[in-house]
Amino acid sequence: MSYLKVSLKHLLFILLFLLLTGAVIYYFIPESPLPEGMPIDKLVINKSKRELIAYSNQRVVKRYFISLGRNPSGDKKFQGDSKTPEGRYFIDSKNPNGDYFMNLGISYPDRNDRIYAKRSGKNPGGDIKIHGLKNGFGFLRKFHRFTDWTNGCIGLTNKEIEELYEAVNIGTVIQINP
């Protein structure tokens, strides 16, 4: 019986060690950067795959793993629903400052979004961004991807939003798919 207890303790220690080792490797393993000076002319987000695909001249140049709104299924309809919108929008602003590390503004709500919300007697919401981590939480880096944590925005690591911020111009098309 004591042999079994020792074996279980050892097994738990080994599993914990492997889990921690895997987490450290995941945290520190570098990801390939966006080629410097590469202009991004289209962004596609596939919500179900938690990916943002950056295009330059109709070629995929980089895929990013993202976090979404806390209620990711379905299209954003109203303020406070914590959903990420779906549809064709464009980047309408760039802000290097704010509560989150850098951001690219998304043109939600568009005319159809406003009409739908008005007919329902609700506010469509707005202020949807692609942004980095909340200021002071940059140390989380890739670990933010383990959960959907935004209020409807698209979350990236600080390093990722920094490179997109430089490569994306206002007016860039962004297609957000379910």
Protein backbone atom coordinates (compact mmCIF):
# COMPACT_ATOMS: atom_id res chain seq x y z
CA MET A 1 0.00 0.00 0.00
CA SER A 2 2.83 2.45 0.81
CA TYR A 3 4.37 1.61 -2.59
CA LEU A 4 1.16 2.80 -4.30
CA LYS A 5 1.16 6.11 -2.37
CA VAL A 6 4.76 6.81 -3.32
CA SER A 7 4.02 5.98 -6.95
CA LEU A 8 1.03 8.33 -7.02
CA LYS A 9 3.10 11.12 -5.48
CA HIS A 10 5.82 10.59 -8.06
CA LEU A 11 3.28 10.48 -10.88
CA LEU A 12 1.69 13.75 -9.71
CA PHE A 13 5.13 15.37 -9.43
CA ILE A 14 6.06 14.25 -12.95
CA LEU A 15 2.74 15.51 -14.38
CA LEU A 16 3.13 18.87 -12.64
CA PHE A 17 6.72 19.15 -13.86
CA LEU A 18 5.67 18.39 -17.46
CA LEU A 19 2.81 20.88 -17.28
CA LEU A 20 5.07 23.65 -15.98
CA THR A 21 7.78 22.84 -18.52
CA GLY A 22 5.23 22.97 -21.35
CA ALA A 23 3.89 26.32 -20.10
CA VAL A 24 7.40 27.82 -19.95
CA ILE A 25 8.20 26.61 -23.46
CA TYR A 26 4.88 27.98 -24.79
CA TYR A 27 5.50 31.34 -23.11
CA PHE A 28 9.04 31.82 -24.39
CA ILE A 29 9.07 30.14 -27.80
CA PRO A 30 9.35 32.95 -30.34
CA GLU A 31 6.85 33.44 -33.12
CA SER A 32 7.84 34.60 -36.58
CA PRO A 33 7.36 38.34 -36.98
CA LEU A 34 5.51 40.04 -39.78
CA PRO A 35 8.08 40.93 -42.47
CA GLU A 36 9.23 44.50 -41.82
CA GLY A 37 7.77 47.09 -44.17
CA MET A 38 5.08 44.65 -45.36
CA PRO A 39 1.88 46.66 -45.97
CA ILE A 40 -1.27 44.83 -44.89
CA ASP A 41 -4.21 45.54 -47.20
CA LYS A 42 -6.82 43.12 -45.84
CA LEU A 43 -7.59 41.41 -42.52
CA VAL A 44 -9.80 38.34 -42.15
CA ILE A 45 -10.97 37.08 -38.78
CA ASN A 46 -12.38 33.58 -38.44
CA LYS A 47 -14.01 33.64 -35.02
CA SER A 48 -14.57 29.88 -34.80
CA LYS A 49 -10.84 29.25 -35.35
CA ARG A 50 -9.73 32.19 -33.16
CA GLU A 51 -7.51 33.44 -35.97
CA LEU A 52 -6.74 36.74 -37.66
CA ILE A 53 -5.21 36.42 -41.12
CA ALA A 54 -3.21 39.33 -42.54
CA TYR A 55 -3.00 39.73 -46.33
CA SER A 56 -0.69 41.73 -48.53
CA ASN A 57 -1.40 41.81 -52.28
CA GLN A 58 -3.92 38.95 -51.91
CA ARG A 59 -1.30 36.73 -50.21
CA VAL A 60 -1.47 35.47 -46.66
CA VAL A 61 1.54 36.90 -44.87
CA LYS A 62 0.73 36.01 -41.26
CA ARG A 63 -1.79 34.27 -39.03
CA TYR A 64 -2.42 35.44 -35.48
CA PHE A 65 -4.16 33.53 -32.71
CA ILE A 66 -6.70 35.79 -31.02
CA SER A 67 -9.10 36.17 -28.13
CA LEU A 68 -12.65 37.42 -28.68
CA GLY A 69 -15.52 38.81 -26.65
CA ARG A 70 -16.58 36.80 -23.60
CA ASN A 71 -19.72 35.68 -25.48
CA PRO A 72 -18.11 34.80 -28.84
CA SER A 73 -20.88 32.86 -30.61
CA GLY A 74 -23.06 34.88 -32.95
CA ASP A 75 -23.00 38.41 -34.28
CA LYS A 76 -22.83 41.51 -32.09
CA LYS A 77 -26.25 43.17 -31.98
CA PHE A 78 -26.34 45.36 -28.90
CA GLN A 79 -24.17 47.21 -26.43
CA GLY A 80 -23.13 44.98 -23.55
CA ASP A 81 -23.67 41.60 -25.26
CA SER A 82 -19.88 40.88 -25.18
CA LYS A 83 -20.03 39.57 -28.74
CA THR A 84 -17.54 40.30 -31.49
CA PRO A 85 -19.30 41.63 -34.62
CA GLU A 86 -19.46 39.72 -37.89
CA GLY A 87 -19.42 41.23 -41.35
CA ARG A 88 -17.38 43.48 -43.58
CA TYR A 89 -15.94 46.56 -41.90
CA PHE A 90 -12.79 48.68 -42.22
CA ILE A 91 -10.11 50.05 -39.91
CA ASP A 92 -11.33 53.54 -39.02
CA SER A 93 -8.78 54.70 -36.43
CA LYS A 94 -5.41 54.04 -34.86
CA ASN A 95 -4.66 54.86 -31.23
CA PRO A 96 -1.27 54.24 -29.58
CA ASN A 97 -2.72 55.12 -26.14
CA GLY A 98 -5.63 53.90 -24.10
CA ASP A 99 -6.55 51.34 -21.45
CA TYR A 100 -5.22 48.55 -23.67
CA PHE A 101 -1.87 48.47 -25.45
CA MET A 102 -2.39 50.15 -28.84
CA ASN A 103 -5.49 49.63 -30.93
CA LEU A 104 -6.91 49.62 -34.42
CA GLY A 105 -10.53 50.80 -34.50
CA ILE A 106 -13.14 48.79 -36.40
CA SER A 107 -16.00 50.65 -38.13
CA TYR A 108 -18.72 48.83 -36.16
CA PRO A 109 -21.58 49.73 -36.05
CA ASP A 110 -22.30 50.26 -39.71
CA ARG A 111 -25.62 51.51 -41.08
CA ASN A 112 -27.27 48.07 -40.99
CA ASP A 113 -26.11 47.45 -37.41
CA ARG A 114 -27.60 50.79 -36.29
CA ILE A 115 -30.92 50.12 -38.08
CA TYR A 116 -31.24 46.66 -36.52
CA ALA A 117 -30.54 47.95 -33.02
CA LYS A 118 -32.92 50.91 -33.42
CA ARG A 119 -35.75 48.62 -34.54
CA SER A 120 -35.12 46.55 -31.41
CA GLY A 121 -35.11 49.66 -29.24
CA LYS A 122 -31.50 49.12 -28.17
CA ASN A 123 -28.08 50.70 -28.54
CA PRO A 124 -25.81 48.84 -31.02
CA GLY A 125 -22.72 49.62 -28.95
CA GLY A 126 -19.42 50.46 -30.55
CA ASP A 127 -15.79 51.10 -29.75
CA ILE A 128 -14.78 47.71 -31.17
CA LYS A 129 -11.01 47.42 -31.56
CA ILE A 130 -8.15 45.10 -32.33
CA HIS A 131 -5.92 45.67 -29.33
CA GLY A 132 -3.18 44.33 -27.11
CA LEU A 133 -3.44 43.42 -23.46
CA LYS A 134 -4.75 45.69 -20.74
CA ASN A 135 -2.03 48.09 -19.66
CA GLY A 136 0.04 46.48 -16.90
CA PHE A 137 -0.81 42.93 -18.05
CA GLY A 138 1.61 42.60 -20.98
CA PHE A 139 3.49 39.91 -19.04
CA LEU A 140 0.64 37.48 -19.86
CA ARG A 141 1.73 37.45 -23.48
CA LYS A 142 0.36 34.37 -25.29
CA PHE A 143 -1.47 33.07 -22.21
CA HIS A 144 -4.33 35.49 -22.97
CA ARG A 145 -5.35 33.10 -25.76
CA PHE A 146 -6.61 30.50 -23.30
CA THR A 147 -9.89 32.37 -22.82
CA ASP A 148 -12.15 34.88 -24.55
CA TRP A 149 -11.80 37.93 -22.32
CA THR A 150 -12.68 41.10 -24.25
CA ASN A 151 -15.96 43.03 -24.30
CA GLY A 152 -16.37 42.27 -28.02
CA CYS A 153 -12.96 43.30 -29.32
CA ILE A 154 -10.17 41.21 -30.81
CA GLY A 155 -7.28 40.61 -28.42
CA LEU A 156 -3.64 40.07 -29.42
CA THR A 157 -0.34 40.09 -27.60
CA ASN A 158 1.28 43.51 -27.29
CA LYS A 159 4.03 42.53 -29.71
CA GLU A 160 1.46 41.38 -32.29
CA ILE A 161 -0.66 44.54 -32.15
CA GLU A 162 2.51 46.62 -32.35
CA GLU A 163 3.51 45.03 -35.67
CA LEU A 164 -0.04 45.20 -37.08
CA TYR A 165 -0.37 48.81 -35.96
CA GLU A 166 2.64 49.72 -38.08
CA ALA A 167 1.52 47.71 -41.14
CA VAL A 168 -2.22 48.52 -41.29
CA ASN A 169 -3.57 51.81 -42.63
CA ILE A 170 -6.88 53.46 -41.92
CA GLY A 171 -9.32 52.22 -44.55
CA THR A 172 -7.99 48.64 -44.58
CA VAL A 173 -10.85 46.14 -45.07
CA ILE A 174 -11.56 43.70 -42.25
CA GLN A 175 -13.85 40.74 -42.84
CA ILE A 176 -15.09 39.10 -39.61
CA ASN A 177 -16.50 35.61 -40.18
CA PRO A 178 -18.38 33.39 -37.70
